[in-house]
Structure formats: C-alpha cells, structure tokens
C-alpha cells in the first residue's frame, strides 16, 4: 500500500479557510473526494517534503496543524500549474485560477507535491 502525507489544520485543508467551498474535512477511515473542478487533493510523497512545506509556510507555528497519512485513490493527476493562495480570499482566487489558469497560476510546486482525485484517511 502506498502511503502519502497530507498537512491539515483541525482535520481540514490547512491553507484554505474553512469558510470556502474548497476546504475539505479529513476524517480517519473515510474516503475524501476532491471537487471535480479542482486539481485534486494535494499530498506529499515523503514526511520530509511535508515538513519542508510546513516550514516554508510557517505552519509549524500554528495550533491544530498536523500531518496525517493517506492512501491515494485513483490515478495521480498531472499538474501543470498551481494556484497561489492569499488567506481570506481563497474562494475568489481559486475560482479565478480554475477559470483562467495561465493568468492566476504558477509553476513553483512545493517539492514532492502530488494530487489525486481522492484519498482514504489512514490516521
């Protein structure tokens, strides 16, 4: 079984505000599916890459942030661009990104980034 790692905050998507339609909740034992219009669920290949992402985004300072283990469901999605998130404006920025990816996206993926249509939450 292939295990990947997901950074969460209070068992939800860590960067995206819980107020947005893009924020998913990760409950142990459940299979979580990405919204169809999105790039999928972002995970990391190794724990080291996960820690690096947490450090670069100052997530290690925040309470409720944790790393969970997940099992990918479906084929890995090929990423060409990724969105930049500005906390508080996530829905607006992500809507623009999905409509106009060349204008609102960039190629700087965090090391080890992988996306899947769904994941099964193991921890």
C-alpha atoms as a PDB file:
ATOM      1  CA  UNK A   1       0.000   0.000   0.000  1.00  0.00           C
ATOM      2  CA  UNK A   2       1.317   3.424  -0.959  1.00  0.00           C
ATOM      3  CA  UNK A   3       1.178   5.949   1.869  1.00  0.00           C
ATOM      4  CA  UNK A   4       1.277   9.697   1.223  1.00  0.00           C
ATOM      5  CA  UNK A   5       1.223  12.603   3.664  1.00  0.00           C
ATOM      6  CA  UNK A   6      -1.255  15.447   3.991  1.00  0.00           C
ATOM      7  CA  UNK A   7      -0.901  18.608   6.061  1.00  0.00           C
ATOM      8  CA  UNK A   8      -4.156  19.506   7.822  1.00  0.00           C
ATOM      9  CA  UNK A   9      -5.322  22.081  10.328  1.00  0.00           C
ATOM     10  CA  UNK A  10      -8.011  20.874  12.718  1.00  0.00           C
ATOM     11  CA  UNK A  11      -8.551  17.938  10.321  1.00  0.00           C
ATOM     12  CA  UNK A  12      -9.328  20.317   7.424  1.00  0.00           C
ATOM     13  CA  UNK A  13      -7.363  21.627   4.448  1.00  0.00           C
ATOM     14  CA  UNK A  14      -4.513  23.560   6.076  1.00  0.00           C
ATOM     15  CA  UNK A  15      -4.026  26.575   3.787  1.00  0.00           C
ATOM     16  CA  UNK A  16      -7.616  27.148   2.710  1.00  0.00           C
ATOM     17  CA  UNK A  17     -10.051  28.808   5.085  1.00  0.00           C
ATOM     18  CA  UNK A  18     -12.829  26.536   6.399  1.00  0.00           C
ATOM     19  CA  UNK A  19     -15.312  29.120   5.074  1.00  0.00           C
ATOM     20  CA  UNK A  20     -14.610  28.204   1.451  1.00  0.00           C
ATOM     21  CA  UNK A  21     -16.234  25.584  -0.712  1.00  0.00           C
ATOM     22  CA  UNK A  22     -12.758  24.184  -1.435  1.00  0.00           C
ATOM     23  CA  UNK A  23     -11.921  23.280   2.173  1.00  0.00           C
ATOM     24  CA  UNK A  24     -12.257  19.546   2.812  1.00  0.00           C
ATOM     25  CA  UNK A  25     -12.565  17.717   6.138  1.00  0.00           C
ATOM     26  CA  UNK A  26     -10.329  14.675   6.719  1.00  0.00           C
ATOM     27  CA  UNK A  27     -11.886  12.041   8.988  1.00  0.00           C
ATOM     28  CA  UNK A  28      -9.995   8.835   9.786  1.00  0.00           C
ATOM     29  CA  UNK A  29     -11.335   5.864   7.827  1.00  0.00           C
ATOM     30  CA  UNK A  30     -13.218   7.944   5.252  1.00  0.00           C
ATOM     31  CA  UNK A  31     -12.504   8.440   1.585  1.00  0.00           C
ATOM     32  CA  UNK A  32     -12.385  12.140   0.773  1.00  0.00           C
ATOM     33  CA  UNK A  33     -13.055  13.225  -2.819  1.00  0.00           C
ATOM     34  CA  UNK A  34     -11.816  16.432  -4.418  1.00  0.00           C
ATOM     35  CA  UNK A  35     -14.283  18.781  -6.027  1.00  0.00           C
ATOM     36  CA  UNK A  36     -14.469  17.852  -9.727  1.00  0.00           C
ATOM     37  CA  UNK A  37     -13.351  21.289 -10.964  1.00  0.00           C
ATOM     38  CA  UNK A  38     -10.149  21.265  -8.874  1.00  0.00           C
ATOM     39  CA  UNK A  39      -6.615  19.906  -9.293  1.00  0.00           C
ATOM     40  CA  UNK A  40      -7.381  17.177  -6.775  1.00  0.00           C
ATOM     41  CA  UNK A  41      -6.208  16.642  -3.224  1.00  0.00           C
ATOM     42  CA  UNK A  42      -2.640  17.807  -2.642  1.00  0.00           C
ATOM     43  CA  UNK A  43      -0.391  15.393  -0.758  1.00  0.00           C
ATOM     44  CA  UNK A  44       3.335  14.824  -0.366  1.00  0.00           C
ATOM     45  CA  UNK A  45       5.424  11.795  -1.196  1.00  0.00           C
ATOM     46  CA  UNK A  46       7.561  11.867   1.972  1.00  0.00           C
ATOM     47  CA  UNK A  47       7.392  13.151   5.533  1.00  0.00           C
ATOM     48  CA  UNK A  48      10.490  15.269   4.881  1.00  0.00           C
ATOM     49  CA  UNK A  49       8.776  17.064   1.985  1.00  0.00           C
ATOM     50  CA  UNK A  50       5.753  17.613   4.204  1.00  0.00           C
ATOM     51  CA  UNK A  51       7.925  19.185   6.924  1.00  0.00           C
ATOM     52  CA  UNK A  52       9.616  21.414   4.355  1.00  0.00           C
ATOM     53  CA  UNK A  53       6.207  22.639   3.136  1.00  0.00           C
ATOM     54  CA  UNK A  54       5.140  23.324   6.732  1.00  0.00           C
ATOM     55  CA  UNK A  55       8.318  25.304   7.452  1.00  0.00           C
ATOM     56  CA  UNK A  56       8.121  27.367   4.246  1.00  0.00           C
ATOM     57  CA  UNK A  57       4.515  28.321   5.002  1.00  0.00           C
ATOM     58  CA  UNK A  58       5.078  28.926   8.737  1.00  0.00           C
ATOM     59  CA  UNK A  59       2.504  26.224   9.511  1.00  0.00           C
ATOM     60  CA  UNK A  60       4.615  24.702  12.287  1.00  0.00           C
ATOM     61  CA  UNK A  61       3.786  27.793  14.416  1.00  0.00           C
ATOM     62  CA  UNK A  62       0.028  27.328  14.148  1.00  0.00           C
ATOM     63  CA  UNK A  63      -2.038  25.314  16.589  1.00  0.00           C
ATOM     64  CA  UNK A  64      -4.069  22.434  15.230  1.00  0.00           C
ATOM     65  CA  UNK A  65      -1.669  21.739  12.338  1.00  0.00           C
ATOM     66  CA  UNK A  66      -0.820  18.074  11.885  1.00  0.00           C
ATOM     67  CA  UNK A  67       0.413  15.604   9.287  1.00  0.00           C
ATOM     68  CA  UNK A  68      -1.871  12.691   8.507  1.00  0.00           C
ATOM     69  CA  UNK A  69      -1.256   9.563   6.466  1.00  0.00           C
ATOM     70  CA  UNK A  70      -3.485   8.956   3.466  1.00  0.00           C
ATOM     71  CA  UNK A  71      -3.799   6.343   0.753  1.00  0.00           C
ATOM     72  CA  UNK A  72      -4.254   7.757  -2.754  1.00  0.00           C
ATOM     73  CA  UNK A  73      -7.431   6.732  -4.577  1.00  0.00           C
ATOM     74  CA  UNK A  74      -7.365   6.917  -8.360  1.00  0.00           C
ATOM     75  CA  UNK A  75      -4.583   7.903 -10.729  1.00  0.00           C
ATOM     76  CA  UNK A  76      -2.132  10.637  -9.860  1.00  0.00           C
ATOM     77  CA  UNK A  77      -3.173  13.829 -11.653  1.00  0.00           C
ATOM     78  CA  UNK A  78      -0.658  15.608 -13.852  1.00  0.00           C
ATOM     79  CA  UNK A  79      -0.042  19.146 -12.637  1.00  0.00           C
ATOM     80  CA  UNK A  80       0.985  21.939 -14.965  1.00  0.00           C
ATOM     81  CA  UNK A  81       0.130  24.936 -12.773  1.00  0.00           C
ATOM     82  CA  UNK A  82      -0.746  25.553  -9.157  1.00  0.00           C
ATOM     83  CA  UNK A  83      -2.633  28.425  -7.563  1.00  0.00           C
ATOM     84  CA  UNK A  84      -1.221  30.932  -5.113  1.00  0.00           C
ATOM     85  CA  UNK A  85      -3.427  31.281  -2.037  1.00  0.00           C
ATOM     86  CA  UNK A  86      -3.950  34.525  -0.159  1.00  0.00           C
ATOM     87  CA  UNK A  87      -5.643  33.681   3.108  1.00  0.00           C
ATOM     88  CA  UNK A  88      -9.070  35.289   3.311  1.00  0.00           C
ATOM     89  CA  UNK A  89      -9.520  35.484  -0.475  1.00  0.00           C
ATOM     90  CA  UNK A  90      -9.287  31.782  -1.275  1.00  0.00           C
ATOM     91  CA  UNK A  91     -12.632  31.240  -2.960  1.00  0.00           C
ATOM     92  CA  UNK A  92     -12.255  34.261  -5.223  1.00  0.00           C
ATOM     93  CA  UNK A  93      -8.638  33.423  -6.138  1.00  0.00           C
ATOM     94  CA  UNK A  94      -9.328  29.725  -6.704  1.00  0.00           C
ATOM     95  CA  UNK A  95     -12.398  30.488  -8.833  1.00  0.00           C
ATOM     96  CA  UNK A  96     -10.238  32.786 -10.991  1.00  0.00           C
ATOM     97  CA  UNK A  97      -7.454  30.192 -11.138  1.00  0.00           C
ATOM     98  CA  UNK A  98      -9.792  27.445 -12.335  1.00  0.00           C
ATOM     99  CA  UNK A  99     -11.290  29.801 -14.957  1.00  0.00           C
ATOM    100  CA  UNK A 100      -8.007  31.391 -16.098  1.00  0.00           C
ATOM    101  CA  UNK A 101      -5.141  29.107 -15.021  1.00  0.00           C
ATOM    102  CA  UNK A 102      -2.476  30.790 -17.149  1.00  0.00           C
ATOM    103  CA  UNK A 103      -3.190  34.181 -15.563  1.00  0.00           C
ATOM    104  CA  UNK A 104      -3.587  33.052 -11.938  1.00  0.00           C
ATOM    105  CA  UNK A 105      -1.269  30.035 -11.723  1.00  0.00           C
ATOM    106  CA  UNK A 106       2.444  29.388 -11.415  1.00  0.00           C
ATOM    107  CA  UNK A 107       4.891  26.504 -11.902  1.00  0.00           C
ATOM    108  CA  UNK A 108       6.543  26.565  -8.462  1.00  0.00           C
ATOM    109  CA  UNK A 109       5.224  23.409  -6.859  1.00  0.00           C
ATOM    110  CA  UNK A 110       6.320  22.541  -3.343  1.00  0.00           C
ATOM    111  CA  UNK A 111       8.824  19.672  -3.539  1.00  0.00           C
ATOM    112  CA  UNK A 112       7.078  16.297  -3.563  1.00  0.00           C
ATOM    113  CA  UNK A 113       3.631  17.667  -4.444  1.00  0.00           C
ATOM    114  CA  UNK A 114       1.225  15.115  -5.836  1.00  0.00           C
ATOM    115  CA  UNK A 115      -2.514  15.393  -6.443  1.00  0.00           C
ATOM    116  CA  UNK A 116      -5.149  12.684  -6.534  1.00  0.00           C
ATOM    117  CA  UNK A 117      -8.911  12.698  -7.172  1.00  0.00           C
ATOM    118  CA  UNK A 118      -9.463  11.186  -3.721  1.00  0.00           C
ATOM    119  CA  UNK A 119      -7.651   9.872  -0.663  1.00  0.00           C
ATOM    120  CA  UNK A 120      -8.525   7.439   2.097  1.00  0.00           C
ATOM    121  CA  UNK A 121      -7.607   8.871   5.503  1.00  0.00           C
ATOM    122  CA  UNK A 122      -5.487   6.374   7.465  1.00  0.00           C
ATOM    123  CA  UNK A 123      -4.571   8.374  10.613  1.00  0.00           C
END
